[in-house]
Structures are given as structure tokens and as C-alpha cells.
């Protein structure tokens, strides 16, 4: 069973452009070098204690930390 991988000229140029764009900004790509986690929330989370938090936003935050 052989697979035919064909790339069009437009696809090749798009991949080359994406590669050049990624290579020209390495400090932006690897920007998370510190040990600080920033989480944006649409709601105010009053308490980070997992024993007292009962809302969706607080429980979602605690699951992802």
C-alpha cells in the first residue's frame, strides 16, 4: 500500500512562508521562559482554596493548575 503525498506549489510556498515567519521571531515563540503562570478569567474568583470553592470558574482553575 503506497501513499501519494503531493504538495502543490501554493502549499509549498505557504509552508516556506510559515517556516520563515516562525524562524524570524524565536523569542516570541519561546516567550514563556519564566515560572509565572498567567490565567485570564471572565469571572472574578474570590477564593483559591479548593475546599471552599464551588463555582465553575474556581473549579476549572483548580483542575488546570
N, C-alpha and C. Protein backbone atom coordinates (compact mmCIF):
# COMPACT_ATOMS: atom_id res chain seq x y z
N UNK A 1 0.83 -1.16 0.00
CA UNK A 1 0.00 0.00 0.00
C UNK A 1 0.89 1.25 0.00
N UNK A 2 0.86 1.99 -1.05
CA UNK A 2 1.67 3.20 -1.13
C UNK A 2 0.78 4.41 -0.96
N UNK A 3 1.35 5.43 -0.38
CA UNK A 3 0.62 6.68 -0.20
C UNK A 3 1.26 7.73 -1.08
N UNK A 4 0.43 8.51 -1.69
CA UNK A 4 0.91 9.54 -2.60
C UNK A 4 0.80 10.89 -1.90
N UNK A 5 1.94 11.44 -1.51
CA UNK A 5 1.96 12.75 -0.85
C UNK A 5 2.37 13.79 -1.88
N UNK A 6 1.42 14.53 -2.35
CA UNK A 6 1.71 15.58 -3.32
C UNK A 6 1.51 16.93 -2.67
N UNK A 7 2.43 17.82 -2.93
CA UNK A 7 2.34 19.18 -2.41
C UNK A 7 2.26 20.12 -3.61
N UNK A 8 1.27 20.97 -3.58
CA UNK A 8 1.13 21.93 -4.67
C UNK A 8 2.14 23.07 -4.48
N UNK A 9 2.30 23.86 -5.50
CA UNK A 9 3.21 24.99 -5.43
C UNK A 9 2.76 25.98 -4.36
N UNK A 10 1.45 26.20 -4.28
CA UNK A 10 0.92 27.12 -3.27
C UNK A 10 1.14 26.56 -1.86
N UNK A 11 0.96 25.26 -1.70
CA UNK A 11 1.19 24.65 -0.40
C UNK A 11 2.64 24.75 0.03
N UNK A 12 3.55 24.53 -0.91
CA UNK A 12 4.97 24.63 -0.62
C UNK A 12 5.35 26.05 -0.23
N UNK A 13 4.84 27.04 -0.97
CA UNK A 13 5.14 28.43 -0.65
C UNK A 13 4.53 28.83 0.69
N UNK A 14 3.35 28.32 0.99
CA UNK A 14 2.72 28.63 2.28
C UNK A 14 3.53 28.05 3.43
N UNK A 15 3.99 26.80 3.27
CA UNK A 15 4.80 26.19 4.32
C UNK A 15 6.14 26.90 4.48
N UNK A 16 6.75 27.30 3.37
CA UNK A 16 8.02 28.02 3.44
C UNK A 16 7.83 29.37 4.11
N UNK A 17 6.75 30.06 3.79
CA UNK A 17 6.47 31.35 4.44
C UNK A 17 6.22 31.20 5.92
N UNK A 18 5.49 30.17 6.31
CA UNK A 18 5.23 29.93 7.73
C UNK A 18 6.53 29.58 8.46
N UNK A 19 7.39 28.82 7.82
CA UNK A 19 8.67 28.48 8.43
C UNK A 19 9.57 29.68 8.59
N UNK A 20 9.61 30.55 7.59
CA UNK A 20 10.41 31.77 7.70
C UNK A 20 9.86 32.70 8.76
N UNK A 21 8.55 32.81 8.84
CA UNK A 21 7.95 33.67 9.86
C UNK A 21 8.26 33.14 11.26
N UNK A 22 8.19 31.84 11.43
CA UNK A 22 8.48 31.24 12.74
C UNK A 22 9.96 31.37 13.09
N UNK A 23 10.83 31.26 12.10
CA UNK A 23 12.26 31.34 12.36
C UNK A 23 12.72 32.76 12.64
N UNK A 24 11.99 33.75 12.16
CA UNK A 24 12.42 35.13 12.34
C UNK A 24 12.05 35.69 13.71
N UNK A 25 11.16 35.03 14.46
CA UNK A 25 10.76 35.52 15.78
C UNK A 25 10.91 34.42 16.84
N UNK A 26 12.11 33.91 17.08
CA UNK A 26 12.23 32.82 18.06
C UNK A 26 11.95 33.26 19.49
N UNK A 27 12.24 34.53 19.83
CA UNK A 27 11.97 34.98 21.19
C UNK A 27 10.47 35.10 21.45
N UNK A 28 9.68 35.31 20.42
CA UNK A 28 8.24 35.36 20.58
C UNK A 28 7.66 33.96 20.72
N UNK A 29 8.21 33.02 20.01
CA UNK A 29 7.71 31.65 20.07
C UNK A 29 8.00 31.02 21.43
N UNK A 30 9.19 31.26 21.94
CA UNK A 30 9.59 30.68 23.22
C UNK A 30 9.52 31.73 24.33
N UNK A 31 8.44 32.49 24.34
CA UNK A 31 8.32 33.61 25.28
C UNK A 31 8.10 33.17 26.71
N UNK A 32 7.56 32.00 26.94
CA UNK A 32 7.28 31.56 28.30
C UNK A 32 8.51 30.91 28.91
N UNK A 33 9.44 31.73 29.35
CA UNK A 33 10.66 31.18 29.93
C UNK A 33 10.64 31.25 31.45
N UNK A 34 9.78 32.08 32.03
CA UNK A 34 9.73 32.20 33.48
C UNK A 34 8.85 31.15 34.12
N UNK A 35 8.76 31.21 35.44
CA UNK A 35 7.93 30.27 36.17
C UNK A 35 6.65 30.94 36.65
N UNK A 36 6.09 31.80 35.82
CA UNK A 36 4.88 32.52 36.16
C UNK A 36 3.77 32.02 35.25
N UNK A 37 2.66 31.61 35.85
CA UNK A 37 1.50 31.15 35.09
C UNK A 37 0.46 32.25 35.12
N UNK A 38 0.05 32.74 33.97
CA UNK A 38 -0.95 33.79 33.88
C UNK A 38 -2.21 33.17 33.29
N UNK A 39 -3.30 33.29 34.02
CA UNK A 39 -4.58 32.75 33.58
C UNK A 39 -5.59 33.88 33.53
N UNK A 40 -6.24 34.06 32.40
CA UNK A 40 -7.27 35.07 32.27
C UNK A 40 -8.62 34.43 32.50
N UNK A 41 -9.45 35.10 33.26
CA UNK A 41 -10.77 34.56 33.58
C UNK A 41 -11.82 35.62 33.30
N UNK A 42 -12.95 35.19 32.81
CA UNK A 42 -14.05 36.11 32.55
C UNK A 42 -14.83 36.47 33.79
N UNK A 43 -14.59 35.73 34.88
CA UNK A 43 -15.30 35.97 36.13
C UNK A 43 -14.30 36.19 37.25
N UNK A 44 -14.75 36.85 38.30
CA UNK A 44 -13.90 37.08 39.45
C UNK A 44 -13.88 35.83 40.32
N UNK A 45 -12.68 35.38 40.69
CA UNK A 45 -12.55 34.20 41.54
C UNK A 45 -12.16 34.71 42.93
N UNK A 46 -13.06 34.66 43.90
CA UNK A 46 -12.78 35.25 45.20
C UNK A 46 -11.85 34.42 46.09
N UNK A 47 -11.77 33.12 45.87
CA UNK A 47 -11.03 32.26 46.79
C UNK A 47 -10.37 31.13 46.00
N UNK A 48 -9.08 30.88 46.29
CA UNK A 48 -8.37 29.80 45.60
C UNK A 48 -8.29 28.53 46.43
N UNK A 49 -8.93 28.50 47.59
CA UNK A 49 -8.91 27.32 48.44
C UNK A 49 -9.79 26.24 47.82
N UNK A 50 -9.25 25.06 47.49
CA UNK A 50 -10.08 24.04 46.82
C UNK A 50 -11.19 23.48 47.70
N UNK A 51 -11.10 23.67 49.03
CA UNK A 51 -12.13 23.14 49.92
C UNK A 51 -13.35 24.05 49.99
N UNK A 52 -13.17 25.33 49.67
CA UNK A 52 -14.31 26.26 49.77
C UNK A 52 -14.81 26.73 48.42
N UNK A 53 -14.08 26.48 47.36
CA UNK A 53 -14.52 26.94 46.04
C UNK A 53 -15.54 25.97 45.47
N UNK A 54 -16.66 26.51 45.03
CA UNK A 54 -17.71 25.64 44.50
C UNK A 54 -18.19 26.07 43.12
N UNK A 55 -17.76 27.22 42.64
CA UNK A 55 -18.21 27.70 41.34
C UNK A 55 -17.46 27.06 40.19
N UNK A 56 -17.97 27.28 39.00
CA UNK A 56 -17.35 26.68 37.81
C UNK A 56 -15.97 27.26 37.55
N UNK A 57 -15.84 28.59 37.66
CA UNK A 57 -14.56 29.23 37.35
C UNK A 57 -13.46 28.76 38.29
N UNK A 58 -13.76 28.70 39.58
CA UNK A 58 -12.74 28.27 40.54
C UNK A 58 -12.39 26.80 40.36
N UNK A 59 -13.38 25.96 40.10
CA UNK A 59 -13.07 24.54 39.92
C UNK A 59 -12.32 24.30 38.62
N UNK A 60 -12.63 25.06 37.57
CA UNK A 60 -11.90 24.96 36.30
C UNK A 60 -10.45 25.38 36.49
N UNK A 61 -10.24 26.45 37.25
CA UNK A 61 -8.89 26.92 37.52
C UNK A 61 -8.11 25.87 38.31
N UNK A 62 -8.72 25.28 39.32
CA UNK A 62 -8.03 24.30 40.14
C UNK A 62 -7.71 23.02 39.37
N UNK A 63 -8.55 22.65 38.41
CA UNK A 63 -8.26 21.46 37.60
C UNK A 63 -7.08 21.69 36.68
N UNK A 64 -6.86 22.93 36.26
CA UNK A 64 -5.82 23.22 35.28
C UNK A 64 -4.50 23.64 35.88
N UNK A 65 -4.43 23.78 37.18
CA UNK A 65 -3.16 24.18 37.80
C UNK A 65 -2.37 22.96 38.17
